[in-house]
């Protein structure tokens, strides 16, 4: 078949290193950039097939997010801007690992298995981050798409959430928005400006925000967006990529893990600061108090701020819609306690990984989900959006209800509901703080995090650990959970859980308690239990000094 001859010809330009095996995970493929050329070509092929199968536009994003600059990666985006389905993750892995001589055969297998009509037109949107390797790697994706005589549109430099947005816009016949960068800026900035009209008399100081762009694409796009915000937000952009290295000593992941401000940013006491990650799909906030102490406001704090404000607006609007917060087992116990006991909100725990949180959030009228690392968004059901919209034009309601309904409508427009989006989330947080007249210190004081400690234990085979209850309890090996339960009883306000890593033979341990010393000790004791029950390798874990 002439169609496959073209694939064979192109694939010679993008050869697979013999024996190299990679797995498509939550973040797609991600490794050192020099191992990815063949992967990119093949993901171009797969995106074209997925487009033909769904009769929709599919996205391909070339990025390695918060990884070092030397790495790169790729992920596919499904028609509604969501992550690609698990079945096609499996196809991606098979296609990526097929040796050169069996590539066409593997491609034909997928076509047959999925009953893909090759005569169907295909449309693929491609975006890339600022890594030096992204230019040539995105060209390999284009080669893959065109070798199946399919249409590709190369957007060039984009944040990951912007590409998710574009794909959703295109496949909703532009009901979600206009599938351009300008369309993205206009939709979000207009919603933000409408919201901040409800926060009169803001001073320039209150509008001021320090932003760490991680020397990545988020900094570039924030610069482009500034004029659209009409000075309603005054941004001081640091780590803008003009001199520093991507994700090096900066960015959301660095700040979260190191629990300190990024390099390249000078902070005054009480100043609001936030950090994006390398592809701008995560955000964390922080400040330094008058004593010079660092305070981090992570995904748990963000979810709390947003969900409590949503509940307030729904009450004012007289709307009986259920707001739920979806967390993982890593969410700090204080945040869960505050949401359930004080705010009387529904909290659901999902397995670690954005796709699990996103799926769980879809079960509610309004689902707020954030991982502690700062990746998250708000999902509004179609029915919830319609009821809010109806209320904004109802002539029979009072001014308070109408005002609340209009605020809710603008919040919907400010959210990128396809995926976690640092720019959208930043504007959302800034709007809520402005409307409520809250300082970053007041936001931080909503609740105090319980001290916690995370550790890793090397094991011979991570598969010996099996969990249940959204990874909060271990069902295998026998005896491990009983041992953890006994250890937890020794400390106040304590809990602990273990889960296998998705990528390496280690078991991750999480422990929290009422004091730092207790959390550290509990984490160590649980690590020893894992070492003994789950076949630890190397030296037994040592206690903290």
Protein backbone atom coordinates (compact mmCIF):
# COMPACT_ATOMS: atom_id res chain seq x y z
CA UNK A 1 0.00 0.00 0.00
CA UNK A 2 1.44 3.37 -1.08
CA UNK A 3 0.28 4.91 2.20
CA UNK A 4 2.63 2.72 4.23
CA UNK A 5 5.51 3.14 1.78
CA UNK A 6 5.54 6.81 2.76
CA UNK A 7 5.63 5.83 6.46
CA UNK A 8 8.56 3.49 5.78
CA UNK A 9 10.46 6.18 3.86
CA UNK A 10 9.95 8.81 6.54
CA UNK A 11 10.71 6.43 9.41
CA UNK A 12 14.23 5.85 8.06
CA UNK A 13 14.92 9.52 8.85
CA UNK A 14 13.76 8.89 12.45
CA UNK A 15 15.33 5.52 13.38
CA UNK A 16 14.70 3.83 16.70
CA UNK A 17 17.80 2.96 18.77
CA UNK A 18 17.80 -0.84 19.01
CA UNK A 19 16.63 -2.18 22.36
CA UNK A 20 15.41 1.16 23.73
CA UNK A 21 12.12 0.67 25.63
CA UNK A 22 9.98 3.56 26.91
CA UNK A 23 6.58 3.66 28.61
CA UNK A 24 3.75 6.14 27.98
CA UNK A 25 2.73 7.30 31.45
CA UNK A 26 0.61 10.07 32.97
CA UNK A 27 3.07 12.62 31.58
CA UNK A 28 3.34 10.89 28.19
CA UNK A 29 6.88 9.97 27.15
CA UNK A 30 9.65 11.80 28.98
CA UNK A 31 13.41 11.19 28.85
CA UNK A 32 16.67 12.69 27.57
CA UNK A 33 15.97 14.64 24.38
CA UNK A 34 18.48 12.69 22.28
CA UNK A 35 16.41 9.49 22.69
CA UNK A 36 13.15 10.93 21.45
CA UNK A 37 13.35 11.59 17.70
CA UNK A 38 11.75 8.27 16.70
CA UNK A 39 9.15 8.63 19.46
CA UNK A 40 8.06 12.02 18.10
CA UNK A 41 7.69 10.69 14.57
CA UNK A 42 5.60 7.77 15.81
CA UNK A 43 3.40 9.99 18.02
CA UNK A 44 2.71 12.03 14.87
CA UNK A 45 1.52 8.79 13.25
CA UNK A 46 -0.59 7.86 16.26
CA UNK A 47 -2.14 11.34 16.55
CA UNK A 48 -3.21 11.12 12.89
CA UNK A 49 -4.83 7.71 13.55
CA UNK A 50 -6.54 9.00 16.71
CA UNK A 51 -7.89 11.96 14.74
CA UNK A 52 -9.25 9.67 12.00
CA UNK A 53 -10.80 7.40 14.65
CA UNK A 54 -12.51 10.22 16.60
CA UNK A 55 -13.22 12.42 13.54
CA UNK A 56 -11.79 15.25 15.67
CA UNK A 57 -8.68 17.38 16.05
CA UNK A 58 -6.02 15.83 18.31
CA UNK A 59 -3.19 17.70 20.06
CA UNK A 60 0.49 16.78 20.37
CA UNK A 61 2.51 18.74 22.93
CA UNK A 62 6.32 18.59 22.89
CA UNK A 63 7.45 19.29 26.47
CA UNK A 64 9.04 17.71 29.54
CA UNK A 65 7.31 20.07 31.98
CA UNK A 66 9.37 20.49 35.17
CA UNK A 67 12.20 18.15 34.06
CA UNK A 68 15.73 19.52 33.40
CA UNK A 69 16.35 21.41 30.16
CA UNK A 70 18.28 18.44 28.63
CA UNK A 71 15.13 16.28 28.75
CA UNK A 72 12.08 16.46 26.54
CA UNK A 73 8.83 14.61 26.12
CA UNK A 74 5.53 14.35 24.30
CA UNK A 75 1.90 13.89 25.23
CA UNK A 76 -1.27 13.46 23.19
CA UNK A 77 -4.43 15.50 23.81
CA UNK A 78 -7.89 14.06 23.17
CA UNK A 79 -10.83 15.92 21.54
CA UNK A 80 -12.22 17.71 24.59
CA UNK A 81 -8.75 18.83 25.67
CA UNK A 82 -8.36 15.93 28.09
CA UNK A 83 -5.52 13.41 28.30
CA UNK A 84 -5.58 10.57 25.79
CA UNK A 85 -7.56 7.46 26.84
CA UNK A 86 -5.76 4.53 28.56
CA UNK A 87 -6.29 2.19 25.57
CA UNK A 88 -4.41 4.63 23.32
CA UNK A 89 -1.68 5.05 25.95
CA UNK A 90 -1.14 1.31 25.38
CA UNK A 91 -1.02 1.84 21.61
CA UNK A 92 1.50 4.65 22.13
CA UNK A 93 3.80 2.36 24.12
CA UNK A 94 3.53 -0.46 21.55
CA UNK A 95 4.20 1.85 18.61
CA UNK A 96 7.12 3.57 20.37
CA UNK A 97 8.84 0.28 21.20
CA UNK A 98 8.31 -1.49 17.86
CA UNK A 99 11.69 -2.18 16.25
CA UNK A 100 12.27 -0.43 12.93
CA UNK A 101 11.41 -3.43 10.73
CA UNK A 102 8.09 -4.11 12.51
CA UNK A 103 6.84 -0.48 12.71
CA UNK A 104 4.42 -0.73 9.75
CA UNK A 105 3.07 -4.08 11.02
CA UNK A 106 2.41 -2.56 14.47
CA UNK A 107 0.72 0.43 12.86
CA UNK A 108 -1.52 -1.88 10.82
CA UNK A 109 -2.41 -3.84 14.00
CA UNK A 110 -3.58 -0.64 15.73
CA UNK A 111 -5.57 0.41 12.64
CA UNK A 112 -7.29 -2.99 12.57
CA UNK A 113 -7.87 -3.15 16.34
CA UNK A 114 -9.44 0.33 16.40
CA UNK A 115 -11.21 -0.03 13.02
CA UNK A 116 -9.64 3.22 11.80
CA UNK A 117 -10.88 4.44 8.41
CA UNK A 118 -7.72 5.67 6.67
CA UNK A 119 -9.75 7.63 4.12
CA UNK A 120 -11.11 9.84 6.93
CA UNK A 121 -9.51 13.31 7.09
CA UNK A 122 -7.24 13.97 10.07
CA UNK A 123 -6.32 17.17 11.88
CA UNK A 124 -3.50 17.49 14.43
CA UNK A 125 -2.53 20.61 16.45
CA UNK A 126 1.12 20.74 17.56
CA UNK A 127 2.71 22.90 20.25
CA UNK A 128 6.15 23.03 21.86
CA UNK A 129 7.96 24.55 24.83
CA UNK A 130 11.18 26.59 24.82
CA UNK A 131 13.70 23.73 25.18
CA UNK A 132 16.54 23.83 22.63
CA UNK A 133 15.52 20.35 21.41
CA UNK A 134 11.82 21.17 20.89
CA UNK A 135 12.25 22.65 17.40
CA UNK A 136 13.66 19.52 15.73
CA UNK A 137 11.50 17.17 17.79
CA UNK A 138 8.29 18.94 16.80
CA UNK A 139 9.43 18.66 13.16
CA UNK A 140 9.60 14.88 13.68
CA UNK A 141 5.95 14.97 14.85
CA UNK A 142 5.02 16.91 11.70
CA UNK A 143 6.79 14.26 9.59
CA UNK A 144 4.73 11.54 11.28
CA UNK A 145 1.44 13.34 10.62
CA UNK A 146 2.24 14.13 6.99
CA UNK A 147 3.45 10.58 6.24
CA UNK A 148 -0.17 9.49 6.73
CA UNK A 149 -1.32 12.33 4.41
CA UNK A 150 -2.92 14.13 7.34
CA UNK A 151 -3.21 17.82 8.11
CA UNK A 152 -1.07 19.34 10.88
CA UNK A 153 -1.26 22.86 12.26
CA UNK A 154 1.93 23.94 14.03
CA UNK A 155 1.21 26.55 16.72
CA UNK A 156 4.89 26.84 17.61
CA UNK A 157 5.64 27.98 21.16
CA UNK A 158 2.74 27.34 23.56
CA UNK A 159 2.17 26.45 27.19
CA UNK A 160 0.75 22.94 27.56
CA UNK A 161 -2.64 24.26 28.84
CA UNK A 162 -2.91 26.60 25.85
CA UNK A 163 -2.74 23.64 23.45
CA UNK A 164 -5.36 21.77 25.50
CA UNK A 165 -7.54 24.91 25.23
CA UNK A 166 -7.05 25.17 21.42
CA UNK A 167 -8.00 21.52 20.88
CA UNK A 168 -11.17 21.89 22.95
CA UNK A 169 -12.12 25.13 21.12
CA UNK A 170 -11.75 23.48 17.72
CA UNK A 171 -13.76 20.39 18.65
CA UNK A 172 -16.62 22.36 20.23
CA UNK A 173 -16.96 24.41 17.02
CA UNK A 174 -15.48 27.33 19.00
CA UNK A 175 -18.20 27.34 21.68
CA UNK A 176 -15.43 27.00 24.28
CA UNK A 177 -13.47 29.88 22.76
CA UNK A 178 -11.37 30.88 19.75
CA UNK A 179 -8.57 28.42 18.92
CA UNK A 180 -5.78 31.02 18.87
CA UNK A 181 -3.36 32.36 21.47
CA UNK A 182 -5.17 35.72 21.25
CA UNK A 183 -8.50 33.93 21.81
CA UNK A 184 -7.07 32.38 24.97
CA UNK A 185 -5.76 35.73 26.25
CA UNK A 186 -9.01 37.53 25.47
CA UNK A 187 -11.29 34.96 27.12
CA UNK A 188 -9.28 34.80 30.35
CA UNK A 189 -8.43 38.50 30.63
CA UNK A 190 -12.02 39.65 29.99
CA UNK A 191 -13.31 37.33 32.71
CA UNK A 192 -10.58 38.53 35.09
CA UNK A 193 -11.34 42.22 34.41
CA UNK A 194 -15.07 41.63 34.97
CA UNK A 195 -14.35 39.89 38.29
CA UNK A 196 -11.99 42.58 39.57
CA UNK A 197 -14.69 45.22 38.99
CA UNK A 198 -16.23 43.72 42.14
CA UNK A 199 -13.07 44.66 44.06
CA UNK A 200 -13.08 48.49 43.91
CA UNK A 201 -10.34 50.78 45.27
CA UNK A 202 -7.51 48.30 44.79
CA UNK A 203 -4.17 50.02 45.23
CA UNK A 204 -1.19 49.42 42.95
CA UNK A 205 0.41 47.47 45.82
CA UNK A 206 -2.60 45.17 45.98
CA UNK A 207 -2.42 44.63 42.21
CA UNK A 208 1.28 43.78 42.36
CA UNK A 209 2.44 40.16 41.99
CA UNK A 210 5.92 38.66 41.65
CA UNK A 211 5.97 35.81 39.10
CA UNK A 212 8.75 33.24 38.69
CA UNK A 213 8.43 31.99 35.11
CA UNK A 214 10.85 29.03 35.61
CA UNK A 215 12.84 30.37 32.62
CA UNK A 216 10.23 28.65 30.48
CA UNK A 217 7.31 29.09 28.11
CA UNK A 218 5.04 30.46 30.87
CA UNK A 219 7.24 33.56 31.18
CA UNK A 220 7.10 34.15 27.44
CA UNK A 221 3.32 33.84 27.32
CA UNK A 222 2.82 35.96 30.44
CA UNK A 223 4.69 38.79 28.69
CA UNK A 224 2.37 38.44 25.69
CA UNK A 225 -0.73 38.44 27.90
CA UNK A 226 0.14 41.51 30.01
CA UNK A 227 -1.43 44.11 27.66
CA UNK A 228 -4.72 42.16 27.67
CA UNK A 229 -4.99 42.57 31.48
CA UNK A 230 -5.23 46.39 31.15
CA UNK A 231 -3.12 47.04 34.27
CA UNK A 232 -5.62 45.23 36.51
CA UNK A 233 -2.66 43.04 37.50
CA UNK A 234 0.86 44.47 37.77
CA UNK A 235 3.32 41.64 37.23
CA UNK A 236 7.02 41.68 38.04
CA UNK A 237 8.31 38.80 35.93
CA UNK A 238 11.46 37.00 37.07
CA UNK A 239 13.29 33.99 35.62
CA UNK A 240 11.88 35.02 32.26
CA UNK A 241 14.27 32.91 30.17
CA UNK A 242 16.48 35.82 29.10
CA UNK A 243 19.49 34.46 30.98
CA UNK A 244 18.72 31.54 33.32
CA UNK A 245 18.29 27.84 32.53
CA UNK A 246 14.85 26.19 32.34
CA UNK A 247 13.70 24.80 35.73
CA UNK A 248 17.18 25.25 37.23
CA UNK A 249 16.95 26.55 40.82
CA UNK A 250 13.52 27.96 39.96
CA UNK A 251 9.96 26.98 39.09
CA UNK A 252 7.05 25.49 41.02
CA UNK A 253 8.61 22.08 41.54
CA UNK A 254 11.85 23.55 42.94
CA UNK A 255 9.96 25.83 45.34
CA UNK A 256 7.63 23.04 46.51
CA UNK A 257 10.37 20.45 47.04
CA UNK A 258 13.04 22.77 48.48
CA UNK A 259 10.54 24.79 50.55
CA UNK A 260 12.32 28.04 49.70
CA UNK A 261 12.09 30.88 47.15
CA UNK A 262 13.63 30.43 43.70
CA UNK A 263 16.91 31.99 42.72
CA UNK A 264 16.66 35.20 40.72
CA UNK A 265 13.84 36.77 42.72
CA UNK A 266 14.08 39.40 45.47
CA UNK A 267 11.15 39.34 47.87
CA UNK A 268 10.07 41.85 50.47
CA UNK A 269 8.25 40.70 53.59
CA UNK A 270 4.57 40.02 52.87
CA UNK A 271 4.87 40.29 49.07
CA UNK A 272 2.73 37.86 47.06
CA UNK A 273 4.82 35.60 44.84
CA UNK A 274 4.03 32.63 42.63
CA UNK A 275 6.01 30.15 40.53
CA UNK A 276 5.00 28.37 37.33
CA UNK A 277 6.60 25.09 36.27
CA UNK A 278 8.39 24.58 32.93
CA UNK A 279 5.28 24.19 30.75
CA UNK A 280 2.98 26.35 32.94
CA UNK A 281 0.50 23.70 34.06
CA UNK A 282 1.39 23.99 37.78
CA UNK A 283 1.48 26.92 40.18
CA UNK A 284 2.40 27.47 43.83
CA UNK A 285 2.22 30.70 45.87
CA UNK A 286 4.50 31.80 48.71
CA UNK A 287 5.67 34.74 50.80
CA UNK A 288 8.23 35.61 53.45
CA UNK A 289 6.98 36.98 56.76
CA UNK A 290 8.51 39.85 58.73
CA UNK A 291 10.79 37.38 60.56
CA UNK A 292 12.15 36.13 57.21
CA UNK A 293 10.33 32.77 57.41
CA UNK A 294 9.20 31.16 54.14
CA UNK A 295 5.50 30.25 53.79
CA UNK A 296 4.33 28.00 50.93
CA UNK A 297 0.73 27.98 49.70
CA UNK A 298 0.49 24.78 47.65
CA UNK A 299 -2.31 23.03 45.78
CA UNK A 300 -4.17 22.21 49.03
CA UNK A 301 -4.30 25.89 50.01
CA UNK A 302 -5.34 26.88 46.47
CA UNK A 303 -8.20 24.33 46.44
CA UNK A 304 -9.36 25.57 49.85
CA UNK A 305 -9.41 29.24 48.80
CA UNK A 306 -11.32 28.53 45.58
CA UNK A 307 -13.82 25.97 46.90
CA UNK A 308 -14.81 28.05 49.93
CA UNK A 309 -15.41 31.09 47.69
CA UNK A 310 -17.48 29.00 45.26
CA UNK A 311 -19.63 27.76 48.15
CA UNK A 312 -20.13 31.35 49.33
CA UNK A 313 -21.27 32.48 45.86
CA UNK A 314 -23.63 29.52 45.42
CA UNK A 315 -25.26 30.34 48.77
CA UNK A 316 -25.67 34.00 47.74
CA UNK A 317 -27.12 32.94 44.38
CA UNK A 318 -29.51 30.50 46.06
CA UNK A 319 -28.23 27.67 43.88
CA UNK A 320 -28.36 24.13 45.24
CA UNK A 321 -25.29 22.78 43.49
CA UNK A 322 -22.79 20.40 45.08
CA UNK A 323 -19.19 21.62 45.32
CA UNK A 324 -16.68 18.84 45.94
CA UNK A 325 -12.93 18.99 46.47
CA UNK A 326 -10.96 16.07 45.04
CA UNK A 327 -7.64 15.39 46.77
CA UNK A 328 -5.04 12.63 46.82
CA UNK A 329 -3.66 10.82 49.86
CA UNK A 330 -0.84 13.42 49.82
CA UNK A 331 -3.21 16.28 50.71
CA UNK A 332 -2.34 17.66 54.14
CA UNK A 333 -4.66 16.36 56.85
CA UNK A 334 -5.32 19.92 58.07
CA UNK A 335 -6.77 20.93 54.70
CA UNK A 336 -9.09 17.90 54.64
CA UNK A 337 -10.20 18.58 58.23
CA UNK A 338 -10.89 22.26 57.49
CA UNK A 339 -12.89 21.54 54.33
CA UNK A 340 -15.00 18.78 55.92
CA UNK A 341 -15.44 20.01 59.51
CA UNK A 342 -15.44 23.80 59.14
CA UNK A 343 -16.69 24.42 55.59
CA UNK A 344 -18.94 21.31 55.40
CA UNK A 345 -17.73 20.58 51.88
CA UNK A 346 -17.63 17.17 50.21
CA UNK A 347 -14.08 15.84 49.92
CA UNK A 348 -13.21 12.83 47.78
CA UNK A 349 -9.85 11.10 47.72
CA UNK A 350 -8.57 9.84 44.35
CA UNK A 351 -5.49 7.89 43.32
CA UNK A 352 -2.35 9.94 42.66
CA UNK A 353 -2.20 11.27 39.09
CA UNK A 354 -4.03 14.12 37.41
CA UNK A 355 -6.19 11.89 35.21
CA UNK A 356 -7.65 10.19 38.33
CA UNK A 357 -8.45 13.55 39.95
CA UNK A 358 -9.96 14.96 36.74
CA UNK A 359 -12.17 11.89 36.32
CA UNK A 360 -13.36 12.04 39.95
CA UNK A 361 -14.13 15.78 39.70
CA UNK A 362 -16.43 15.12 36.73
CA UNK A 363 -18.83 13.28 39.04
CA UNK A 364 -20.00 16.49 40.76
CA UNK A 365 -21.88 19.68 39.82
CA UNK A 366 -18.66 21.57 40.53
CA UNK A 367 -15.44 19.66 41.13
CA UNK A 368 -12.33 21.44 42.41
CA UNK A 369 -9.19 19.36 42.12
CA UNK A 370 -5.58 20.18 42.92
CA UNK A 371 -2.59 18.02 43.64
CA UNK A 372 -0.37 19.36 46.40
CA UNK A 373 2.24 20.16 43.68
CA UNK A 374 -0.05 22.90 42.33
CA UNK A 375 -1.60 21.13 39.34
CA UNK A 376 -5.36 21.54 39.21
CA UNK A 377 -8.48 23.32 37.99
CA UNK A 378 -12.27 23.53 38.45
CA UNK A 379 -14.77 21.49 36.44
CA UNK A 380 -18.37 22.67 36.03
CA UNK A 381 -20.96 20.17 34.81
CA UNK A 382 -23.02 21.16 31.76
CA UNK A 383 -26.13 21.31 33.99
CA UNK A 384 -24.38 23.57 36.53
CA UNK A 385 -23.20 25.94 33.78
CA UNK A 386 -26.73 26.14 32.35
CA UNK A 387 -28.35 26.88 35.73
CA UNK A 388 -25.80 29.62 36.47
CA UNK A 389 -26.28 31.13 32.99
CA UNK A 390 -30.11 31.07 33.34
CA UNK A 391 -29.85 32.91 36.64
CA UNK A 392 -27.80 35.76 35.11
CA UNK A 393 -30.73 36.61 32.79
CA UNK A 394 -33.62 35.85 35.19
CA UNK A 395 -35.64 39.10 35.60
CA UNK A 396 -37.34 37.82 38.77
CA UNK A 397 -34.35 37.61 41.11
CA UNK A 398 -32.90 40.22 43.44
CA UNK A 399 -29.63 42.09 42.89
CA UNK A 400 -27.62 39.96 45.35
CA UNK A 401 -28.52 36.73 43.56
CA UNK A 402 -27.89 38.23 40.13
CA UNK A 403 -24.51 39.63 41.21
CA UNK A 404 -23.46 36.21 42.58
CA UNK A 405 -24.62 34.50 39.37
CA UNK A 406 -22.61 36.95 37.21
CA UNK A 407 -19.51 36.33 39.35
CA UNK A 408 -19.97 32.57 38.93
CA UNK A 409 -20.34 32.98 35.15
CA UNK A 410 -17.07 34.94 35.00
CA UNK A 411 -15.33 32.31 37.15
CA UNK A 412 -16.41 29.66 34.64
CA UNK A 413 -14.89 31.71 31.81
CA UNK A 414 -11.66 32.27 33.76
CA UNK A 415 -11.14 28.53 34.31
CA UNK A 416 -9.33 26.36 31.81
CA UNK A 417 -11.49 23.30 32.42
CA UNK A 418 -9.42 21.07 30.15
CA UNK A 419 -6.36 20.80 32.41
CA UNK A 420 -4.40 22.47 35.22
CA UNK A 421 -3.24 25.87 33.95
CA UNK A 422 -0.81 28.09 35.88
CA UNK A 423 -1.91 31.31 34.12
CA UNK A 424 -5.64 30.63 34.51
CA UNK A 425 -5.19 29.49 38.14
CA UNK A 426 -3.07 32.57 38.94
CA UNK A 427 -5.77 34.91 37.61
CA UNK A 428 -8.43 32.96 39.50
CA UNK A 429 -6.50 33.25 42.79
CA UNK A 430 -5.77 36.95 42.22
CA UNK A 431 -9.47 37.64 41.51
CA UNK A 432 -10.68 35.78 44.62
CA UNK A 433 -8.13 37.49 46.88
CA UNK A 434 -9.08 40.90 45.42
CA UNK A 435 -12.85 40.40 45.75
CA UNK A 436 -12.51 39.14 49.31
CA UNK A 437 -9.98 41.84 50.19
CA UNK A 438 -7.62 39.15 51.52
CA UNK A 439 -3.87 39.38 51.91
CA UNK A 440 -1.67 36.36 51.19
CA UNK A 441 -1.04 36.11 54.96
CA UNK A 442 -4.77 35.92 55.68
CA UNK A 443 -5.16 33.24 53.04
CA UNK A 444 -2.30 31.25 54.56
CA UNK A 445 -3.86 31.54 58.04
CA UNK A 446 -7.08 29.71 57.01
CA UNK A 447 -5.47 26.58 58.48
CA UNK A 448 -1.98 25.44 59.51
CA UNK A 449 -0.42 22.46 57.76
CA UNK A 450 0.42 19.43 59.85
CA UNK A 451 4.15 18.62 59.78
CA UNK A 452 4.84 15.83 57.28
CA UNK A 453 7.72 13.84 55.86
CA UNK A 454 8.11 11.90 52.60
CA UNK A 455 10.71 9.15 52.14
CA UNK A 456 11.65 6.50 49.59
CA UNK A 457 12.64 2.89 50.32
CA UNK A 458 14.50 0.85 47.69
CA UNK A 459 13.00 -2.60 47.15
CA UNK A 460 13.79 -5.55 44.88
CA UNK A 461 10.39 -5.34 43.15
CA UNK A 462 7.89 -2.52 43.70
CA UNK A 463 5.05 -4.76 42.49
CA UNK A 464 4.97 -6.57 45.85
CA UNK A 465 3.07 -3.53 47.18
CA UNK A 466 -0.64 -3.41 46.37
CA UNK A 467 -2.90 -0.64 47.68
CA UNK A 468 -6.60 0.13 48.03
CA UNK A 469 -8.77 3.04 49.27
CA UNK A 470 -7.16 5.56 46.85
CA UNK A 471 -3.68 4.29 47.83
CA UNK A 472 -4.23 4.99 51.54
CA UNK A 473 -4.04 1.35 52.64
CA UNK A 474 -1.73 -1.51 51.63
CA UNK A 475 -3.34 -4.91 50.99
CA UNK A 476 -0.06 -6.63 50.11
CA UNK A 477 2.37 -7.77 51.41
CA UNK A 478 0.49 -9.37 54.32
CA UNK A 479 1.20 -7.76 57.67
CA UNK A 480 2.49 -4.42 56.37
CA UNK A 481 -0.73 -2.44 56.88
CA UNK A 482 -1.20 -3.90 60.39
CA UNK A 483 2.33 -2.76 61.24
CA UNK A 484 1.63 0.76 59.87
CA UNK A 485 -1.62 0.95 61.86
CA UNK A 486 0.19 0.09 65.10
CA UNK A 487 2.89 2.72 64.43
CA UNK A 488 0.32 5.44 63.66
CA UNK A 489 -1.41 4.83 67.02
CA UNK A 490 1.72 6.05 68.84
CA UNK A 491 1.38 9.68 67.65
CA UNK A 492 -1.16 12.50 67.80
CA UNK A 493 -3.08 13.67 64.66
CA UNK A 494 -1.06 11.14 62.71
CA UNK A 495 -1.48 9.08 59.57
CA UNK A 496 0.85 7.30 57.18
CA UNK A 497 0.59 5.43 53.91
CA UNK A 498 2.89 3.72 51.40
CA UNK A 499 2.59 3.33 47.63
CA UNK A 500 4.83 1.89 44.91
CA UNK A 501 6.56 4.30 42.54
CA UNK A 502 5.23 4.27 38.99
CA UNK A 503 8.69 4.41 37.45
CA UNK A 504 11.34 2.79 39.68
CA UNK A 505 11.73 0.00 42.27
CA UNK A 506 11.09 2.17 45.28
CA UNK A 507 8.21 2.48 47.71
CA UNK A 508 7.12 6.00 48.63
CA UNK A 509 6.35 6.67 52.30
CA UNK A 510 4.22 9.57 53.59
CA UNK A 511 3.72 10.39 57.27
CA UNK A 512 2.23 13.33 59.14
CA UNK A 513 1.73 14.08 62.82
CA UNK A 514 1.26 16.96 65.26
CA UNK A 515 4.99 17.80 65.47
CA UNK A 516 7.89 17.70 63.04
CA UNK A 517 9.78 15.25 65.30
CA UNK A 518 6.78 12.90 65.44
CA UNK A 519 6.27 13.06 61.64
CA UNK A 520 9.97 12.34 61.04
CA UNK A 521 10.03 9.44 63.49
CA UNK A 522 6.81 7.93 62.14
CA UNK A 523 8.11 8.18 58.55
CA UNK A 524 11.32 6.42 59.56
CA UNK A 525 9.48 3.65 61.46
CA UNK A 526 7.13 3.05 58.51
CA UNK A 527 10.17 2.94 56.17
CA UNK A 528 11.71 0.20 58.33
CA UNK A 529 8.42 -1.73 58.18
CA UNK A 530 8.42 -1.43 54.37
CA UNK A 531 12.05 -2.58 54.26
CA UNK A 532 11.22 -5.67 56.34
CA UNK A 533 7.87 -6.64 54.78
CA UNK A 534 8.43 -5.62 51.15
CA UNK A 535 11.97 -6.86 50.46
CA UNK A 536 14.11 -3.79 50.98
CA UNK A 537 17.53 -3.71 49.32
CA UNK A 538 20.73 -2.11 50.59
CA UNK A 539 21.03 -0.79 54.13
CA UNK A 540 18.03 -0.61 56.45
CA UNK A 541 16.66 2.97 56.59
CA UNK A 542 18.46 5.06 59.21
CA UNK A 543 16.64 7.39 61.64
CA UNK A 544 16.94 11.16 61.21
CA UNK A 545 19.76 12.72 63.20
